[in-house]
Amino acid sequence: MSARALAAAATVLLVGLIALGLAWELVLAPLRPGGSWLALKVLPLAAALPGFLRRRRYTFQWMSMLVLVYLAEGIVRAWSEQGASRTLAAAQTALAALLFLAAALYARATRPGAARPV
């Protein structure tokens, strides 16, 4: 897969993770009726969006580490919650795992000295 395709996939996954986090905590299954302050958890993800759109390698590198927090949260909440929250947590787990993979592969594909296709 090309670096361009990896960057596009990672960007789509990042936007999906942001949308899921907001929808989950504000509308679909908030901790409290009417929404939850837990929706602020998407702020670090939103901070990475400009770097993803500009394909900055450094942003992909730190996101590959940060997204592990969202992966862990998804696993814990999928295990401990019930109903819609369990399904949403499973979706977060999948998105976070795929984002980790895409971001790490992009960072690897764009590293200095990496073989470039001609």
C-alpha atoms as a PDB file:
ATOM      1  CA  MET A   1       0.000   0.000   0.000  1.00  0.00           C
ATOM      2  CA  SER A   2       1.385   3.434  -0.907  1.00  0.00           C
ATOM      3  CA  ALA A   3       2.152   6.124   1.639  1.00  0.00           C
ATOM      4  CA  ARG A   4      -0.573   8.280   0.117  1.00  0.00           C
ATOM      5  CA  ALA A   5      -3.182   5.518   0.562  1.00  0.00           C
ATOM      6  CA  LEU A   6      -2.021   4.883   4.142  1.00  0.00           C
ATOM      7  CA  ALA A   7      -2.327   8.591   4.963  1.00  0.00           C
ATOM      8  CA  ALA A   8      -5.817   8.712   3.455  1.00  0.00           C
ATOM      9  CA  ALA A   9      -6.911   5.599   5.346  1.00  0.00           C
ATOM     10  CA  ALA A  10      -5.496   6.920   8.618  1.00  0.00           C
ATOM     11  CA  THR A  11      -7.245  10.263   8.111  1.00  0.00           C
ATOM     12  CA  VAL A  12     -10.599   8.575   7.467  1.00  0.00           C
ATOM     13  CA  LEU A  13     -10.118   6.410  10.566  1.00  0.00           C
ATOM     14  CA  LEU A  14      -9.190   9.450  12.661  1.00  0.00           C
ATOM     15  CA  VAL A  15     -12.298  11.345  11.545  1.00  0.00           C
ATOM     16  CA  GLY A  16     -14.362   8.224  12.249  1.00  0.00           C
ATOM     17  CA  LEU A  17     -12.925   7.934  15.753  1.00  0.00           C
ATOM     18  CA  ILE A  18     -13.674  11.614  16.431  1.00  0.00           C
ATOM     19  CA  ALA A  19     -17.240  11.269  15.131  1.00  0.00           C
ATOM     20  CA  LEU A  20     -17.807   8.084  17.136  1.00  0.00           C
ATOM     21  CA  GLY A  21     -16.502   9.662  20.338  1.00  0.00           C
ATOM     22  CA  LEU A  22     -18.736  12.710  19.977  1.00  0.00           C
ATOM     23  CA  ALA A  23     -21.821  10.746  18.985  1.00  0.00           C
ATOM     24  CA  TRP A  24     -21.288   8.218  21.762  1.00  0.00           C
ATOM     25  CA  GLU A  25     -20.831  10.702  24.605  1.00  0.00           C
ATOM     26  CA  LEU A  26     -23.325  13.330  23.433  1.00  0.00           C
ATOM     27  CA  VAL A  27     -26.189  11.431  21.768  1.00  0.00           C
ATOM     28  CA  LEU A  28     -26.078   7.633  21.465  1.00  0.00           C
ATOM     29  CA  ALA A  29     -25.178   6.432  24.970  1.00  0.00           C
ATOM     30  CA  PRO A  30     -23.921   9.264  27.202  1.00  0.00           C
ATOM     31  CA  LEU A  31     -23.013   8.589  30.815  1.00  0.00           C
ATOM     32  CA  ARG A  32     -25.601  11.192  31.860  1.00  0.00           C
ATOM     33  CA  PRO A  33     -28.795  12.173  30.059  1.00  0.00           C
ATOM     34  CA  GLY A  34     -28.231  15.134  27.770  1.00  0.00           C
ATOM     35  CA  GLY A  35     -24.553  14.448  27.176  1.00  0.00           C
ATOM     36  CA  SER A  36     -21.360  13.981  29.067  1.00  0.00           C
ATOM     37  CA  TRP A  37     -18.132  15.909  29.581  1.00  0.00           C
ATOM     38  CA  LEU A  38     -16.415  12.713  28.503  1.00  0.00           C
ATOM     39  CA  ALA A  39     -16.927  13.980  24.945  1.00  0.00           C
ATOM     40  CA  LEU A  40     -13.840  16.126  25.540  1.00  0.00           C
ATOM     41  CA  LYS A  41     -11.774  12.984  25.072  1.00  0.00           C
ATOM     42  CA  VAL A  42     -11.833  13.688  21.315  1.00  0.00           C
ATOM     43  CA  LEU A  43      -9.837  16.938  21.661  1.00  0.00           C
ATOM     44  CA  PRO A  44      -6.415  15.249  21.336  1.00  0.00           C
ATOM     45  CA  LEU A  45      -7.692  13.443  18.248  1.00  0.00           C
ATOM     46  CA  ALA A  46      -8.957  16.698  16.757  1.00  0.00           C
ATOM     47  CA  ALA A  47      -5.580  18.315  17.451  1.00  0.00           C
ATOM     48  CA  ALA A  48      -3.954  15.724  15.193  1.00  0.00           C
ATOM     49  CA  LEU A  49      -6.278  16.326  12.252  1.00  0.00           C
ATOM     50  CA  PRO A  50      -4.350  19.265  10.706  1.00  0.00           C
ATOM     51  CA  GLY A  51      -1.120  17.246  10.798  1.00  0.00           C
ATOM     52  CA  PHE A  52      -2.845  14.285   9.190  1.00  0.00           C
ATOM     53  CA  LEU A  53      -4.248  16.461   6.413  1.00  0.00           C
ATOM     54  CA  ARG A  54      -0.751  17.865   5.763  1.00  0.00           C
ATOM     55  CA  ARG A  55       0.735  14.344   6.008  1.00  0.00           C
ATOM     56  CA  ARG A  56       3.252  15.312   8.676  1.00  0.00           C
ATOM     57  CA  ARG A  57       5.179  12.208   9.614  1.00  0.00           C
ATOM     58  CA  TYR A  58       5.695  13.383  13.198  1.00  0.00           C
ATOM     59  CA  THR A  59       1.921  13.647  13.746  1.00  0.00           C
ATOM     60  CA  PHE A  60       1.443  10.083  12.516  1.00  0.00           C
ATOM     61  CA  GLN A  61       4.207   8.942  14.878  1.00  0.00           C
ATOM     62  CA  TRP A  62       2.752  10.458  18.035  1.00  0.00           C
ATOM     63  CA  MET A  63      -0.777   9.484  17.067  1.00  0.00           C
ATOM     64  CA  SER A  64       0.308   5.849  16.765  1.00  0.00           C
ATOM     65  CA  MET A  65       1.187   6.033  20.467  1.00  0.00           C
ATOM     66  CA  LEU A  66      -1.763   8.157  21.633  1.00  0.00           C
ATOM     67  CA  VAL A  67      -4.373   5.995  19.921  1.00  0.00           C
ATOM     68  CA  LEU A  68      -3.385   3.115  22.203  1.00  0.00           C
ATOM     69  CA  VAL A  69      -5.187   4.966  25.025  1.00  0.00           C
ATOM     70  CA  TYR A  70      -8.403   4.891  22.977  1.00  0.00           C
ATOM     71  CA  LEU A  71      -7.798   1.234  22.178  1.00  0.00           C
ATOM     72  CA  ALA A  72      -7.467   0.452  25.882  1.00  0.00           C
ATOM     73  CA  GLU A  73     -10.591   2.467  26.733  1.00  0.00           C
ATOM     74  CA  GLY A  74     -12.546   0.630  24.067  1.00  0.00           C
ATOM     75  CA  ILE A  75     -11.439  -2.761  25.359  1.00  0.00           C
ATOM     76  CA  VAL A  76     -12.247  -1.908  28.982  1.00  0.00           C
ATOM     77  CA  ARG A  77     -15.654  -0.417  28.178  1.00  0.00           C
ATOM     78  CA  ALA A  78     -16.555  -3.292  25.814  1.00  0.00           C
ATOM     79  CA  TRP A  79     -15.779  -5.690  28.641  1.00  0.00           C
ATOM     80  CA  SER A  80     -17.507  -3.768  31.446  1.00  0.00           C
ATOM     81  CA  GLU A  81     -20.544  -2.063  29.893  1.00  0.00           C
ATOM     82  CA  GLN A  82     -23.763  -3.370  28.422  1.00  0.00           C
ATOM     83  CA  GLY A  83     -26.164  -2.456  25.656  1.00  0.00           C
ATOM     84  CA  ALA A  84     -25.321   0.275  23.161  1.00  0.00           C
ATOM     85  CA  SER A  85     -22.188   1.280  25.042  1.00  0.00           C
ATOM     86  CA  ARG A  86     -20.726  -2.190  24.559  1.00  0.00           C
ATOM     87  CA  THR A  87     -21.304  -2.006  20.796  1.00  0.00           C
ATOM     88  CA  LEU A  88     -19.877   1.504  20.589  1.00  0.00           C
ATOM     89  CA  ALA A  89     -16.853   0.430  22.607  1.00  0.00           C
ATOM     90  CA  ALA A  90     -16.256  -2.459  20.217  1.00  0.00           C
ATOM     91  CA  ALA A  91     -16.434  -0.020  17.299  1.00  0.00           C
ATOM     92  CA  GLN A  92     -13.955   2.282  19.049  1.00  0.00           C
ATOM     93  CA  THR A  93     -11.627  -0.652  19.608  1.00  0.00           C
ATOM     94  CA  ALA A  94     -11.726  -1.578  15.929  1.00  0.00           C
ATOM     95  CA  LEU A  95     -11.214   2.001  14.730  1.00  0.00           C
ATOM     96  CA  ALA A  96      -8.357   2.588  17.174  1.00  0.00           C
ATOM     97  CA  ALA A  97      -6.585  -0.642  16.208  1.00  0.00           C
ATOM     98  CA  LEU A  98      -6.883   0.155  12.495  1.00  0.00           C
ATOM     99  CA  LEU A  99      -5.746   3.745  13.073  1.00  0.00           C
ATOM    100  CA  PHE A 100      -2.719   2.494  14.973  1.00  0.00           C
ATOM    101  CA  LEU A 101      -1.842   0.170  12.119  1.00  0.00           C
ATOM    102  CA  ALA A 102      -2.324   2.784   9.383  1.00  0.00           C
ATOM    103  CA  ALA A 103      -0.419   5.516  11.262  1.00  0.00           C
ATOM    104  CA  ALA A 104       2.481   3.227  12.121  1.00  0.00           C
ATOM    105  CA  LEU A 105       2.715   1.923   8.564  1.00  0.00           C
ATOM    106  CA  TYR A 106       2.624   5.468   7.179  1.00  0.00           C
ATOM    107  CA  ALA A 107       5.401   6.556   9.543  1.00  0.00           C
ATOM    108  CA  ARG A 108       7.428   3.535   8.486  1.00  0.00           C
ATOM    109  CA  ALA A 109       6.824   4.094   4.773  1.00  0.00           C
ATOM    110  CA  THR A 110       7.928   7.739   4.983  1.00  0.00           C
ATOM    111  CA  ARG A 111      10.973   7.319   7.187  1.00  0.00           C
ATOM    112  CA  PRO A 112      14.204   8.832   5.903  1.00  0.00           C
ATOM    113  CA  GLY A 113      16.163   6.313   3.906  1.00  0.00           C
ATOM    114  CA  ALA A 114      13.105   4.193   3.115  1.00  0.00           C
ATOM    115  CA  ALA A 115      13.081   2.735  -0.359  1.00  0.00           C
ATOM    116  CA  ARG A 116      11.004   4.919  -2.649  1.00  0.00           C
ATOM    117  CA  PRO A 117       9.244   3.420  -5.656  1.00  0.00           C
ATOM    118  CA  VAL A 118      10.418   4.899  -8.931  1.00  0.00           C
END
